[in-house]
Amino acid sequence: MTGPSVTADPGCLPVRGDLAHIKLAGLYFVPHYAVPMPRRIAPGAVLRVMSRADADPIRELPAGEIFNVLDIAGNWAWGQLGEDGHVGYVALDALEAQD
């Protein structure tokens, strides 16, 4: 990879300082790239800016839709709504395995 890496606007792309979606390899330089783990969203799930229950909400997530998990830490998952939706943190208990 040559040239400077591009800074992404938080919330728009599944990239943060240490990790990015594998589809962004070659576009954003980070130490690790992750293949998404699709999970179904449970009713009442909220996407947050940080991995804390008292963190600011980004939006309520639509039940039954897919959330692509890229990282899990403690009781929180970081990822993206669908293939091109909002990016943030969701409580793990608000995500279900896909059928």
PDB file of N, CA and C in Angstrom:
ATOM      1  N   MET A   1       0.842  -1.165   0.000  1.00  0.00           N
ATOM      2  CA  MET A   1       0.000   0.000   0.000  1.00  0.00           C
ATOM      3  C   MET A   1       0.892   1.233   0.000  1.00  0.00           C
ATOM      4  N   THR A   2       0.554   2.186  -0.817  1.00  0.00           N
ATOM      5  CA  THR A   2       1.351   3.406  -0.881  1.00  0.00           C
ATOM      6  C   THR A   2       0.480   4.616  -0.601  1.00  0.00           C
ATOM      7  N   GLY A   3       1.100   5.701  -0.207  1.00  0.00           N
ATOM      8  CA  GLY A   3       0.377   6.942   0.043  1.00  0.00           C
ATOM      9  C   GLY A   3      -0.217   6.972   1.434  1.00  0.00           C
ATOM     10  N   PRO A   4      -0.749   8.109   1.809  1.00  0.00           N
ATOM     11  CA  PRO A   4      -1.324   8.251   3.148  1.00  0.00           C
ATOM     12  C   PRO A   4      -2.645   7.507   3.263  1.00  0.00           C
ATOM     13  N   SER A   5      -2.956   7.056   4.482  1.00  0.00           N
ATOM     14  CA  SER A   5      -4.265   6.441   4.687  1.00  0.00           C
ATOM     15  C   SER A   5      -5.309   7.549   4.770  1.00  0.00           C
ATOM     16  N   VAL A   6      -6.546   7.206   4.500  1.00  0.00           N
ATOM     17  CA  VAL A   6      -7.643   8.165   4.492  1.00  0.00           C
ATOM     18  C   VAL A   6      -8.346   8.109   5.839  1.00  0.00           C
ATOM     19  N   THR A   7      -8.719   9.248   6.381  1.00  0.00           N
ATOM     20  CA  THR A   7      -9.452   9.293   7.633  1.00  0.00           C
ATOM     21  C   THR A   7     -10.935   9.179   7.331  1.00  0.00           C
ATOM     22  N   ALA A   8     -11.593   8.248   8.014  1.00  0.00           N
ATOM     23  CA  ALA A   8     -13.021   8.025   7.793  1.00  0.00           C
ATOM     24  C   ALA A   8     -13.849   8.810   8.801  1.00  0.00           C
ATOM     25  N   ASP A   9     -15.026   9.212   8.397  1.00  0.00           N
ATOM     26  CA  ASP A   9     -15.968   9.871   9.276  1.00  0.00           C
ATOM     27  C   ASP A   9     -16.623   8.790  10.139  1.00  0.00           C
ATOM     28  N   PRO A  10     -16.505   8.854  11.478  1.00  0.00           N
ATOM     29  CA  PRO A  10     -17.125   7.844  12.333  1.00  0.00           C
ATOM     30  C   PRO A  10     -18.622   7.744  12.044  1.00  0.00           C
ATOM     31  N   GLY A  11     -19.114   6.540  11.994  1.00  0.00           N
ATOM     32  CA  GLY A  11     -20.525   6.330  11.722  1.00  0.00           C
ATOM     33  C   GLY A  11     -20.843   6.064  10.276  1.00  0.00           C
ATOM     34  N   CYS A  12     -19.899   6.324   9.379  1.00  0.00           N
ATOM     35  CA  CYS A  12     -20.156   6.136   7.951  1.00  0.00           C
ATOM     36  C   CYS A  12     -19.538   4.857   7.391  1.00  0.00           C
ATOM     37  N   LEU A  13     -18.386   4.491   7.894  1.00  0.00           N
ATOM     38  CA  LEU A  13     -17.676   3.327   7.383  1.00  0.00           C
ATOM     39  C   LEU A  13     -17.263   2.413   8.530  1.00  0.00           C
ATOM     40  N   PRO A  14     -17.231   1.105   8.305  1.00  0.00           N
ATOM     41  CA  PRO A  14     -16.802   0.181   9.352  1.00  0.00           C
ATOM     42  C   PRO A  14     -15.283   0.149   9.488  1.00  0.00           C
ATOM     43  N   VAL A  15     -14.732   1.253   9.986  1.00  0.00           N
ATOM     44  CA  VAL A  15     -13.297   1.368  10.203  1.00  0.00           C
ATOM     45  C   VAL A  15     -13.070   2.192  11.460  1.00  0.00           C
ATOM     46  N   ARG A  16     -12.122   1.745  12.274  1.00  0.00           N
ATOM     47  CA  ARG A  16     -11.691   2.507  13.435  1.00  0.00           C
ATOM     48  C   ARG A  16     -10.172   2.390  13.488  1.00  0.00           C
ATOM     49  N   GLY A  17      -9.509   2.971  14.451  1.00  0.00           N
ATOM     50  CA  GLY A  17      -8.053   3.019  14.470  1.00  0.00           C
ATOM     51  C   GLY A  17      -7.346   1.686  14.448  1.00  0.00           C
ATOM     52  N   ASP A  18      -7.976   0.644  14.989  1.00  0.00           N
ATOM     53  CA  ASP A  18      -7.320  -0.659  15.105  1.00  0.00           C
ATOM     54  C   ASP A  18      -7.914  -1.754  14.229  1.00  0.00           C
ATOM     55  N   LEU A  19      -9.047  -1.485  13.575  1.00  0.00           N
ATOM     56  CA  LEU A  19      -9.785  -2.548  12.896  1.00  0.00           C
ATOM     57  C   LEU A  19     -10.660  -1.974  11.792  1.00  0.00           C
ATOM     58  N   ALA A  20     -10.828  -2.761  10.726  1.00  0.00           N
ATOM     59  CA  ALA A  20     -11.737  -2.368   9.644  1.00  0.00           C
ATOM     60  C   ALA A  20     -12.353  -3.615   9.026  1.00  0.00           C
ATOM     61  N   HIS A  21     -13.472  -3.432   8.379  1.00  0.00           N
ATOM     62  CA  HIS A  21     -14.135  -4.483   7.608  1.00  0.00           C
ATOM     63  C   HIS A  21     -13.170  -4.922   6.506  1.00  0.00           C
ATOM     64  N   ILE A  22     -13.133  -6.197   6.213  1.00  0.00           N
ATOM     65  CA  ILE A  22     -12.220  -6.734   5.198  1.00  0.00           C
ATOM     66  C   ILE A  22     -12.444  -6.086   3.825  1.00  0.00           C
ATOM     67  N   LYS A  23     -13.671  -5.630   3.556  1.00  0.00           N
ATOM     68  CA  LYS A  23     -13.941  -4.998   2.262  1.00  0.00           C
ATOM     69  C   LYS A  23     -13.177  -3.683   2.080  1.00  0.00           C
ATOM     70  N   LEU A  24     -12.623  -3.154   3.181  1.00  0.00           N
ATOM     71  CA  LEU A  24     -11.877  -1.891   3.108  1.00  0.00           C
ATOM     72  C   LEU A  24     -10.365  -2.086   3.020  1.00  0.00           C
ATOM     73  N   ALA A  25      -9.919  -3.342   2.978  1.00  0.00           N
ATOM     74  CA  ALA A  25      -8.482  -3.609   2.830  1.00  0.00           C
ATOM     75  C   ALA A  25      -8.006  -2.986   1.520  1.00  0.00           C
ATOM     76  N   GLY A  26      -6.913  -2.305   1.578  1.00  0.00           N
ATOM     77  CA  GLY A  26      -6.382  -1.626   0.406  1.00  0.00           C
ATOM     78  C   GLY A  26      -6.861  -0.189   0.292  1.00  0.00           C
ATOM     79  N   LEU A  27      -7.906   0.161   1.034  1.00  0.00           N
ATOM     80  CA  LEU A  27      -8.411   1.533   1.027  1.00  0.00           C
ATOM     81  C   LEU A  27      -8.077   2.267   2.322  1.00  0.00           C
ATOM     82  N   TYR A  28      -8.089   1.539   3.435  1.00  0.00           N
ATOM     83  CA  TYR A  28      -7.790   2.110   4.747  1.00  0.00           C
ATOM     84  C   TYR A  28      -6.716   1.261   5.404  1.00  0.00           C
ATOM     85  N   PHE A  29      -5.724   1.905   5.960  1.00  0.00           N
ATOM     86  CA  PHE A  29      -4.627   1.196   6.603  1.00  0.00           C
ATOM     87  C   PHE A  29      -4.886   1.103   8.096  1.00  0.00           C
ATOM     88  N   VAL A  30      -5.104  -0.125   8.584  1.00  0.00           N
ATOM     89  CA  VAL A  30      -5.290  -0.411  10.008  1.00  0.00           C
ATOM     90  C   VAL A  30      -4.524  -1.692  10.316  1.00  0.00           C
ATOM     91  N   PRO A  31      -4.241  -1.967  11.595  1.00  0.00           N
ATOM     92  CA  PRO A  31      -3.504  -3.184  11.933  1.00  0.00           C
ATOM     93  C   PRO A  31      -4.236  -4.490  11.617  1.00  0.00           C
ATOM     94  N   HIS A  32      -5.592  -4.458  11.670  1.00  0.00           N
ATOM     95  CA  HIS A  32      -6.364  -5.690  11.478  1.00  0.00           C
ATOM     96  C   HIS A  32      -7.595  -5.434  10.624  1.00  0.00           C
ATOM     97  N   TYR A  33      -7.941  -6.463   9.824  1.00  0.00           N
ATOM     98  CA  TYR A  33      -9.166  -6.447   9.028  1.00  0.00           C
ATOM     99  C   TYR A  33      -9.994  -7.643   9.465  1.00  0.00           C
ATOM    100  N   ALA A  34     -11.308  -7.465   9.556  1.00  0.00           N
ATOM    101  CA  ALA A  34     -12.181  -8.523  10.051  1.00  0.00           C
ATOM    102  C   ALA A  34     -13.222  -8.911   9.010  1.00  0.00           C
ATOM    103  N   VAL A  35     -13.501 -10.207   8.960  1.00  0.00           N
ATOM    104  CA  VAL A  35     -14.601 -10.726   8.158  1.00  0.00           C
ATOM    105  C   VAL A  35     -15.844 -10.643   9.050  1.00  0.00           C
ATOM    106  N   PRO A  36     -16.928 -10.055   8.564  1.00  0.00           N
ATOM    107  CA  PRO A  36     -18.101  -9.872   9.419  1.00  0.00           C
ATOM    108  C   PRO A  36     -18.760 -11.185   9.827  1.00  0.00           C
ATOM    109  N   MET A  37     -19.325 -11.172  11.031  1.00  0.00           N
ATOM    110  CA  MET A  37     -20.119 -12.289  11.562  1.00  0.00           C
ATOM    111  C   MET A  37     -21.558 -11.793  11.621  1.00  0.00           C
ATOM    112  N   PRO A  38     -22.397 -12.149  10.643  1.00  0.00           N
ATOM    113  CA  PRO A  38     -23.774 -11.638  10.614  1.00  0.00           C
ATOM    114  C   PRO A  38     -24.601 -12.178  11.781  1.00  0.00           C
ATOM    115  N   ARG A  39     -25.335 -11.271  12.427  1.00  0.00           N
ATOM    116  CA  ARG A  39     -26.235 -11.627  13.528  1.00  0.00           C
ATOM    117  C   ARG A  39     -27.565 -10.929  13.299  1.00  0.00           C
ATOM    118  N   ARG A  40     -28.649 -11.580  13.723  1.00  0.00           N
ATOM    119  CA  ARG A  40     -29.979 -10.996  13.607  1.00  0.00           C
ATOM    120  C   ARG A  40     -30.217 -10.081  14.800  1.00  0.00           C
ATOM    121  N   ILE A  41     -30.819  -8.932  14.558  1.00  0.00           N
ATOM    122  CA  ILE A  41     -31.074  -7.934  15.584  1.00  0.00           C
ATOM    123  C   ILE A  41     -32.363  -8.268  16.318  1.00  0.00           C
ATOM    124  N   ALA A  42     -32.298  -8.297  17.655  1.00  0.00           N
ATOM    125  CA  ALA A  42     -33.461  -8.551  18.493  1.00  0.00           C
ATOM    126  C   ALA A  42     -34.256  -7.253  18.677  1.00  0.00           C
ATOM    127  N   PRO A  43     -35.536  -7.365  19.015  1.00  0.00           N
ATOM    128  CA  PRO A  43     -36.332  -6.159  19.266  1.00  0.00           C
ATOM    129  C   PRO A  43     -35.733  -5.319  20.402  1.00  0.00           C
ATOM    130  N   GLY A  44     -35.770  -4.004  20.227  1.00  0.00           N
ATOM    131  CA  GLY A  44     -35.295  -3.079  21.245  1.00  0.00           C
ATOM    132  C   GLY A  44     -33.804  -2.796  21.225  1.00  0.00           C
ATOM    133  N   ALA A  45     -33.076  -3.327  20.251  1.00  0.00           N
ATOM    134  CA  ALA A  45     -31.625  -3.112  20.180  1.00  0.00           C
ATOM    135  C   ALA A  45     -31.324  -1.655  19.822  1.00  0.00           C
ATOM    136  N   VAL A  46     -30.291  -1.117  20.473  1.00  0.00           N
ATOM    137  CA  VAL A  46     -29.889   0.267  20.247  1.00  0.00           C
ATOM    138  C   VAL A  46     -28.416   0.299  19.849  1.00  0.00           C
ATOM    139  N   LEU A  47     -28.116   1.025  18.795  1.00  0.00           N
ATOM    140  CA  LEU A  47     -26.742   1.244  18.355  1.00  0.00           C
ATOM    141  C   LEU A  47     -26.193   2.448  19.109  1.00  0.00           C
ATOM    142  N   ARG A  48     -25.001   2.292  19.713  1.00  0.00           N
ATOM    143  CA  ARG A  48     -24.436   3.350  20.546  1.00  0.00           C
ATOM    144  C   ARG A  48     -23.048   3.764  20.037  1.00  0.00           C
ATOM    145  N   VAL A  49     -22.624   4.965  20.445  1.00  0.00           N
ATOM    146  CA  VAL A  49     -21.330   5.483  20.010  1.00  0.00           C
ATOM    147  C   VAL A  49     -20.165   4.827  20.745  1.00  0.00           C
ATOM    148  N   MET A  50     -20.424   4.284  21.934  1.00  0.00           N
ATOM    149  CA  MET A  50     -19.391   3.606  22.723  1.00  0.00           C
ATOM    150  C   MET A  50     -19.996   2.344  23.332  1.00  0.00           C
ATOM    151  N   SER A  51     -19.143   1.482  23.844  1.00  0.00           N
ATOM    152  CA  SER A  51     -19.582   0.202  24.403  1.00  0.00           C
ATOM    153  C   SER A  51     -19.975   0.337  25.884  1.00  0.00           C
ATOM    154  N   ARG A  52     -20.984   1.172  26.112  1.00  0.00           N
ATOM    155  CA  ARG A  52     -21.516   1.374  27.465  1.00  0.00           C
ATOM    156  C   ARG A  52     -23.013   1.624  27.356  1.00  0.00           C
ATOM    157  N   ALA A  53     -23.758   1.122  28.330  1.00  0.00           N
ATOM    158  CA  ALA A  53     -25.210   1.300  28.314  1.00  0.00           C
ATOM    159  C   ALA A  53     -25.618   2.765  28.426  1.00  0.00           C
ATOM    160  N   ASP A  54     -24.765   3.597  29.030  1.00  0.00           N
ATOM    161  CA  ASP A  54     -25.098   5.013  29.171  1.00  0.00           C
ATOM    162  C   ASP A  54     -24.494   5.877  28.059  1.00  0.00           C
ATOM    163  N   ALA A  55     -23.902   5.242  27.047  1.00  0.00           N
ATOM    164  CA  ALA A  55     -23.334   5.988  25.914  1.00  0.00           C
ATOM    165  C   ALA A  55     -24.462   6.556  25.049  1.00  0.00           C
ATOM    166  N   ASP A  56     -24.156   7.631  24.348  1.00  0.00           N
ATOM    167  CA  ASP A  56     -25.150   8.249  23.473  1.00  0.00           C
ATOM    168  C   ASP A  56     -25.640   7.256  22.427  1.00  0.00           C
ATOM    169  N   PRO A  57     -26.956   7.206  22.217  1.00  0.00           N
ATOM    170  CA  PRO A  57     -27.488   6.335  21.163  1.00  0.00           C
ATOM    171  C   PRO A  57     -27.304   6.963  19.791  1.00  0.00           C
ATOM    172  N   ILE A  58     -27.051   6.117  18.813  1.00  0.00           N
ATOM    173  CA  ILE A  58     -26.997   6.570  17.425  1.00  0.00           C
ATOM    174  C   ILE A  58     -28.382   6.420  16.825  1.00  0.00           C
ATOM    175  N   ARG A  59     -28.970   5.237  17.053  1.00  0.00           N
ATOM    176  CA  ARG A  59     -30.323   4.960  16.564  1.00  0.00           C
ATOM    177  C   ARG A  59     -30.807   3.634  17.136  1.00  0.00           C
ATOM    178  N   GLU A  60     -32.110   3.445  17.103  1.00  0.00           N
ATOM    179  CA  GLU A  60     -32.677   2.142  17.429  1.00  0.00           C
ATOM    180  C   GLU A  60     -32.538   1.286  16.177  1.00  0.00           C
ATOM    181  N   LEU A  61     -32.198   0.026  16.368  1.00  0.00           N
ATOM    182  CA  LEU A  61     -31.981  -0.856  15.222  1.00  0.00           C
ATOM    183  C   LEU A  61     -33.256  -1.612  14.880  1.00  0.00           C
ATOM    184  N   PRO A  62     -33.490  -1.876  13.604  1.00  0.00           N
ATOM    185  CA  PRO A  62     -34.698  -2.577  13.184  1.00  0.00           C
ATOM    186  C   PRO A  62     -34.623  -4.076  13.512  1.00  0.00           C
ATOM    187  N   ALA A  63     -35.578  -4.545  14.303  1.00  0.00           N
ATOM    188  CA  ALA A  63     -35.617  -5.965  14.679  1.00  0.00           C
ATOM    189  C   ALA A  63     -35.696  -6.849  13.438  1.00  0.00           C
ATOM    190  N   GLY A  64     -34.949  -7.944  13.468  1.00  0.00           N
ATOM    191  CA  GLY A  64     -34.957  -8.902  12.373  1.00  0.00           C
ATOM    192  C   GLY A  64     -33.950  -8.625  11.280  1.00  0.00           C
ATOM    193  N   GLU A  65     -33.404  -7.413  11.238  1.00  0.00           N
ATOM    194  CA  GLU A  65     -32.389  -7.073  10.233  1.00  0.00           C
ATOM    195  C   GLU A  65     -31.036  -7.653  10.650  1.00  0.00           C
ATOM    196  N   ILE A  66     -30.053  -7.536   9.774  1.00  0.00           N
ATOM    197  CA  ILE A  66     -28.722  -8.084  10.023  1.00  0.00           C
ATOM    198  C   ILE A  66     -27.771  -7.006  10.526  1.00  0.00           C
ATOM    199  N   PHE A  67     -27.021  -7.344  11.587  1.00  0.00           N
ATOM    200  CA  PHE A  67     -25.935  -6.512  12.087  1.00  0.00           C
ATOM    201  C   PHE A  67     -24.661  -7.304  11.869  1.00  0.00           C
ATOM    202  N   ASN A  68     -23.717  -6.739  11.133  1.00  0.00           N
ATOM    203  CA  ASN A  68     -22.454  -7.408  10.834  1.00  0.00           C
ATOM    204  C   ASN A  68     -21.437  -7.106  11.932  1.00  0.00           C
ATOM    205  N   VAL A  69     -21.213  -8.086  12.797  1.00  0.00           N
ATOM    206  CA  VAL A  69     -20.287  -7.939  13.918  1.00  0.00           C
ATOM    207  C   VAL A  69     -18.857  -8.058  13.408  1.00  0.00           C
ATOM    208  N   LEU A  70     -18.036  -7.066  13.778  1.00  0.00           N
ATOM    209  CA  LEU A  70     -16.627  -7.069  13.389  1.00  0.00           C
ATOM    210  C   LEU A  70     -15.695  -7.253  14.579  1.00  0.00           C
ATOM    211  N   ASP A  71     -16.190  -6.992  15.792  1.00  0.00           N
ATOM    212  CA  ASP A  71     -15.380  -7.136  16.992  1.00  0.00           C
ATOM    213  C   ASP A  71     -16.300  -7.345  18.188  1.00  0.00           C
ATOM    214  N   ILE A  72     -15.852  -8.177  19.121  1.00  0.00           N
ATOM    215  CA  ILE A  72     -16.576  -8.408  20.368  1.00  0.00           C
ATOM    216  C   ILE A  72     -15.610  -8.163  21.514  1.00  0.00           C
ATOM    217  N   ALA A  73     -16.056  -7.350  22.462  1.00  0.00           N
ATOM    218  CA  ALA A  73     -15.267  -7.074  23.663  1.00  0.00           C
ATOM    219  C   ALA A  73     -16.233  -7.004  24.840  1.00  0.00           C
ATOM    220  N   GLY A  74     -16.047  -7.911  25.795  1.00  0.00           N
ATOM    221  CA  GLY A  74     -16.960  -7.961  26.931  1.00  0.00           C
ATOM    222  C   GLY A  74     -18.355  -8.314  26.467  1.00  0.00           C
ATOM    223  N   ASN A  75     -19.318  -7.489  26.828  1.00  0.00           N
ATOM    224  CA  ASN A  75     -20.721  -7.733  26.466  1.00  0.00           C
ATOM    225  C   ASN A  75     -21.177  -6.877  25.295  1.00  0.00           C
ATOM    226  N   TRP A  76     -20.223  -6.394  24.501  1.00  0.00           N
ATOM    227  CA  TRP A  76     -20.545  -5.492  23.407  1.00  0.00           C
ATOM    228  C   TRP A  76     -19.962  -5.970  22.082  1.00  0.00           C
ATOM    229  N   ALA A  77     -20.703  -5.701  21.019  1.00  0.00           N
ATOM    230  CA  ALA A  77     -20.244  -5.987  19.657  1.00  0.00           C
ATOM    231  C   ALA A  77     -20.110  -4.666  18.915  1.00  0.00           C
ATOM    232  N   TRP A  78     -19.048  -4.539  18.142  1.00  0.00           N
ATOM    233  CA  TRP A  78     -18.867  -3.381  17.273  1.00  0.00           C
ATOM    234  C   TRP A  78     -19.050  -3.863  15.846  1.00  0.00           C
ATOM    235  N   GLY A  79     -19.796  -3.105  15.058  1.00  0.00           N
ATOM    236  CA  GLY A  79     -20.004  -3.499  13.673  1.00  0.00           C
ATOM    237  C   GLY A  79     -20.901  -2.532  12.936  1.00  0.00           C
ATOM    238  N   GLN A  80     -21.572  -3.072  11.904  1.00  0.00           N
ATOM    239  CA  GLN A  80     -22.324  -2.242  10.970  1.00  0.00           C
ATOM    240  C   GLN A  80     -23.702  -2.835  10.712  1.00  0.00           C
ATOM    241  N   LEU A  81     -24.688  -1.966  10.633  1.00  0.00           N
ATOM    242  CA  LEU A  81     -26.030  -2.378  10.245  1.00  0.00           C
ATOM    243  C   LEU A  81     -26.022  -2.717   8.768  1.00  0.00           C
ATOM    244  N   GLY A  82     -26.288  -3.976   8.447  1.00  0.00           N
ATOM    245  CA  GLY A  82     -26.291  -4.412   7.050  1.00  0.00           C
ATOM    246  C   GLY A  82     -24.940  -4.209   6.394  1.00  0.00           C
ATOM    247  N   GLU A  83     -24.967  -3.943   5.102  1.00  0.00           N
ATOM    248  CA  GLU A  83     -23.730  -3.773   4.332  1.00  0.00           C
ATOM    249  C   GLU A  83     -23.263  -2.326   4.234  1.00  0.00           C
ATOM    250  N   ASP A  84     -24.163  -1.381   4.474  1.00  0.00           N
ATOM    251  CA  ASP A  84     -23.771   0.019   4.311  1.00  0.00           C
ATOM    252  C   ASP A  84     -24.469   0.959   5.288  1.00  0.00           C
ATOM    253  N   GLY A  85     -24.959   0.412   6.402  1.00  0.00           N
ATOM    254  CA  GLY A  85     -25.651   1.230   7.391  1.00  0.00           C
ATOM    255  C   GLY A  85     -24.730   1.823   8.435  1.00  0.00           C
ATOM    256  N   HIS A  86     -25.340   2.320   9.498  1.00  0.00           N
ATOM    257  CA  HIS A  86     -24.601   2.947  10.589  1.00  0.00           C
ATOM    258  C   HIS A  86     -23.650   1.966  11.269  1.00  0.00           C
ATOM    259  N   VAL A  87     -22.587   2.513  11.833  1.00  0.00           N
ATOM    260  CA  VAL A  87     -21.567   1.741  12.533  1.00  0.00           C
ATOM    261  C   VAL A  87     -21.562   2.160  13.998  1.00  0.00           C
ATOM    262  N   GLY A  88     -21.430   1.170  14.881  1.00  0.00           N
ATOM    263  CA  GLY A  88     -21.362   1.474  16.306  1.00  0.00           C
ATOM    264  C   GLY A  88     -21.380   0.211  17.141  1.00  0.00           C
ATOM    265  N   TYR A  89     -21.761   0.378  18.392  1.00  0.00           N
ATOM    266  CA  TYR A  89     -21.747  -0.705  19.378  1.00  0.00           C
ATOM    267  C   TYR A  89     -23.162  -1.134  19.743  1.00  0.00           C
ATOM    268  N   VAL A  90     -23.331  -2.450  19.891  1.00  0.00           N
ATOM    269  CA  VAL A  90     -24.612  -3.034  20.282  1.00  0.00           C
ATOM    270  C   VAL A  90     -24.342  -4.040  21.398  1.00  0.00           C
ATOM    271  N   ALA A  91     -25.210  -4.063  22.399  1.00  0.00           N
ATOM    272  CA  ALA A  91     -25.093  -5.061  23.462  1.00  0.00           C
ATOM    273  C   ALA A  91     -25.240  -6.451  22.844  1.00  0.00           C
ATOM    274  N   LEU A  92     -24.376  -7.376  23.253  1.00  0.00           N
ATOM    275  CA  LEU A  92     -24.415  -8.740  22.686  1.00  0.00           C
ATOM    276  C   LEU A  92     -25.751  -9.422  22.896  1.00  0.00           C
ATOM    277  N   ASP A  93     -26.404  -9.159  24.019  1.00  0.00           N
ATOM    278  CA  ASP A  93     -27.689  -9.819  24.274  1.00  0.00           C
ATOM    279  C   ASP A  93     -28.805  -9.299  23.370  1.00  0.00           C
ATOM    280  N   ALA A  94     -28.544  -8.292  22.543  1.00  0.00           N
ATOM    281  CA  ALA A  94     -29.511  -7.766  21.595  1.00  0.00           C
ATOM    282  C   ALA A  94     -29.287  -8.339  20.193  1.00  0.00           C
ATOM    283  N   LEU A  95     -28.361  -9.293  20.084  1.00  0.00           N
ATOM    284  CA  LEU A  95     -28.059  -9.930  18.806  1.00  0.00           C
ATOM    285  C   LEU A  95     -28.272 -11.430  18.920  1.00  0.00           C
ATOM    286  N   GLU A  96     -28.808 -12.015  17.873  1.00  0.00           N
ATOM    287  CA  GLU A  96     -29.082 -13.451  17.846  1.00  0.00           C
ATOM    288  C   GLU A  96     -28.382 -14.105  16.680  1.00  0.00           C
ATOM    289  N   ALA A  97     -28.049 -15.371  16.842  1.00  0.00           N
ATOM    290  CA  ALA A  97     -27.434 -16.116  15.738  1.00  0.00           C
ATOM    291  C   ALA A  97     -28.418 -16.186  14.575  1.00  0.00           C
ATOM    292  N   GLN A  98     -27.883 -16.157  13.376  1.00  0.00           N
ATOM    293  CA  GLN A  98     -28.740 -16.275  12.187  1.00  0.00           C
ATOM    294  C   GLN A  98     -29.233 -17.692  12.039  1.00  0.00           C
ATOM    295  N   ASP A  99     -30.438 -17.843  11.477  1.00  0.00           N
ATOM    296  CA  ASP A  99     -30.977 -19.189  11.207  1.00  0.00           C
ATOM    297  C   ASP A  99     -30.258 -19.842  10.057  1.00  0.00           C
TER     298      ASP A  99
END
